[in-house]
Structures are given as C-alpha cells and as structure tokens.
C-alpha cells in the first residue's frame, strides 16, 4: 500500500541519518584554516571548518565531483606535513574527511587548533 511504501522511505531516511549521527568518537574543534586536498594530482582548495582526532570537515567552492571512499592527501596551511585522508561524506560543498589509521590525530588537532586560536587572537 502507499502508506507502507511511505513508511519504508521514512525508515530508510532515518537509518541513513543515524549512520552519520554517531560516527565521531572524539570532540571536534572549530577552526578556520586554509587547506588543500590532493586527489589523484588534482588539488582542491578550501577551509577547514572543524577538526578532531579522527578527521576534519573541509568547506570548498569547487565544482569538482567528489565521492565517498576517495582517498587523497590533505595539506593544512601552516602545518608542515601532508595527511592521508579518505572522504566519508560529501554534502553541498562540504567534504567530511577521515584521517588514515597511521596519522597521529592528537598531534594534528593540537597543532591546528592552536594555530587557529593564535590567528583569532592576532586579528
């Protein structure tokens, strides 16, 4: 029936939202730091909006098509190294990135959050 189909659609949408709602296991830190994402040699610039030990959120105006599962290298302005990342979600110009298992998330968060705080105080 139509009602059953509507409930199935609602349940599927709810399940999809739940999948993303509780994936973070560490706190996020709000930042405003320029970053470049290199996927297959194509570089996309943007701004980190938040960062945690597990990953980061990159806001970009790029018209490039991204898909979940793509991997690349993230270079954060002022941070001396590139980080291996994987795209876990793409939504309206926002890329949700997960750091690769070998990356030291605590070190990254400490450095980037500190840089962002120092920039705010200098402004």
Protein backbone atom coordinates (compact mmCIF):
# COMPACT_ATOMS: atom_id res chain seq x y z
CA UNK A 1 0.00 0.00 0.00
CA UNK A 2 1.00 3.65 -0.29
CA UNK A 3 1.24 4.04 3.47
CA UNK A 4 3.62 1.08 3.76
CA UNK A 5 5.81 2.50 0.98
CA UNK A 6 5.88 5.92 2.68
CA UNK A 7 6.91 4.34 5.98
CA UNK A 8 9.66 2.39 4.23
CA UNK A 9 11.02 5.60 2.70
CA UNK A 10 10.88 7.37 6.10
CA UNK A 11 12.64 4.45 7.80
CA UNK A 12 15.39 4.41 5.16
CA UNK A 13 15.97 8.17 5.56
CA UNK A 14 16.06 7.84 9.35
CA UNK A 15 18.54 4.95 9.17
CA UNK A 16 20.78 6.99 6.86
CA UNK A 17 20.77 9.92 9.31
CA UNK A 18 21.63 7.64 12.23
CA UNK A 19 24.57 6.23 10.33
CA UNK A 20 26.21 9.67 10.32
CA UNK A 21 24.92 10.99 13.62
CA UNK A 22 27.12 8.96 15.94
CA UNK A 23 30.28 8.23 13.99
CA UNK A 24 32.52 10.64 15.93
CA UNK A 25 34.33 9.26 18.93
CA UNK A 26 36.41 12.36 19.75
CA UNK A 27 35.44 16.02 20.19
CA UNK A 28 35.51 18.43 17.27
CA UNK A 29 37.36 21.74 17.42
CA UNK A 30 36.05 24.67 15.39
CA UNK A 31 38.82 26.13 13.21
CA UNK A 32 39.23 28.42 10.22
CA UNK A 33 42.36 27.25 8.46
CA UNK A 34 43.10 27.09 4.73
CA UNK A 35 43.80 23.61 3.36
CA UNK A 36 44.40 21.89 0.02
CA UNK A 37 43.15 18.41 -0.83
CA UNK A 38 45.09 16.47 -3.46
CA UNK A 39 43.22 13.56 -5.04
CA UNK A 40 44.98 11.93 -7.95
CA UNK A 41 47.04 15.06 -8.65
CA UNK A 42 44.02 17.38 -8.79
CA UNK A 43 44.21 19.94 -5.98
CA UNK A 44 41.10 21.44 -4.41
CA UNK A 45 41.45 24.38 -2.03
CA UNK A 46 39.14 25.09 0.85
CA UNK A 47 38.87 25.95 4.51
CA UNK A 48 38.85 23.53 7.41
CA UNK A 49 35.76 24.26 9.48
CA UNK A 50 36.42 21.72 12.21
CA UNK A 51 38.91 19.05 13.14
CA UNK A 52 39.04 16.08 15.50
CA UNK A 53 41.46 13.25 16.17
CA UNK A 54 39.58 11.20 13.59
CA UNK A 55 39.23 13.66 10.75
CA UNK A 56 38.18 17.08 9.54
CA UNK A 57 35.48 18.96 7.67
CA UNK A 58 36.66 20.84 4.56
CA UNK A 59 34.43 23.51 3.03
CA UNK A 60 35.13 24.18 -0.64
CA UNK A 61 33.63 26.09 -3.55
CA UNK A 62 35.00 23.55 -6.04
CA UNK A 63 32.71 22.33 -8.79
CA UNK A 64 34.67 19.07 -8.91
CA UNK A 65 32.72 15.87 -8.31
CA UNK A 66 33.76 14.01 -5.16
CA UNK A 67 32.52 10.66 -3.92
CA UNK A 68 32.68 8.87 -0.60
CA UNK A 69 35.60 6.50 -0.45
CA UNK A 70 38.04 8.62 -2.45
CA UNK A 71 41.46 8.93 -0.82
CA UNK A 72 43.97 11.72 -1.04
CA UNK A 73 46.45 13.94 0.77
CA UNK A 74 45.44 16.96 2.86
CA UNK A 75 47.88 19.86 3.27
CA UNK A 76 46.87 22.23 6.05
CA UNK A 77 48.23 25.77 5.77
CA UNK A 78 50.92 26.34 8.39
CA UNK A 79 51.14 22.65 9.24
CA UNK A 80 54.34 21.16 7.87
CA UNK A 81 53.15 17.77 6.63
CA UNK A 82 50.50 16.23 4.41
CA UNK A 83 47.97 13.84 5.90
CA UNK A 84 46.41 10.83 4.23
CA UNK A 85 42.63 11.15 4.28
CA UNK A 86 39.53 9.41 2.94
CA UNK A 87 36.27 11.14 2.04
CA UNK A 88 33.47 9.70 4.16
CA UNK A 89 30.68 12.06 3.12
CA UNK A 90 30.06 14.79 0.55
CA UNK A 91 27.29 17.31 1.09
CA UNK A 92 26.79 20.68 -0.67
CA UNK A 93 30.42 21.77 -0.94
CA UNK A 94 31.43 20.18 2.36
CA UNK A 95 33.80 17.21 2.47
CA UNK A 96 33.86 15.12 5.62
CA UNK A 97 37.32 13.57 5.82
CA UNK A 98 38.69 10.73 7.94
CA UNK A 99 42.40 10.54 8.74
CA UNK A 100 44.14 7.32 7.72
CA UNK A 101 44.91 4.87 10.51
CA UNK A 102 48.61 5.78 10.63
CA UNK A 103 48.06 9.52 11.18
CA UNK A 104 48.51 10.91 14.69
CA UNK A 105 45.16 12.66 15.17
CA UNK A 106 46.02 14.10 18.60
CA UNK A 107 49.13 15.79 17.23
CA UNK A 108 47.22 17.21 14.26
CA UNK A 109 44.35 18.53 16.39
CA UNK A 110 46.70 20.11 18.89
CA UNK A 111 48.73 21.87 16.21
CA UNK A 112 45.81 23.02 14.02
CA UNK A 113 43.52 24.09 16.86
CA UNK A 114 46.45 26.01 18.38
CA UNK A 115 47.18 27.73 15.05
CA UNK A 116 43.55 28.71 14.69
CA UNK A 117 43.39 30.15 18.25
CA UNK A 118 46.59 32.15 17.63
CA UNK A 119 45.16 33.58 14.38
CA UNK A 120 41.97 34.69 16.18
CA UNK A 121 43.96 36.44 18.92
CA UNK A 122 46.22 38.18 16.39
CA UNK A 123 43.25 39.56 14.42
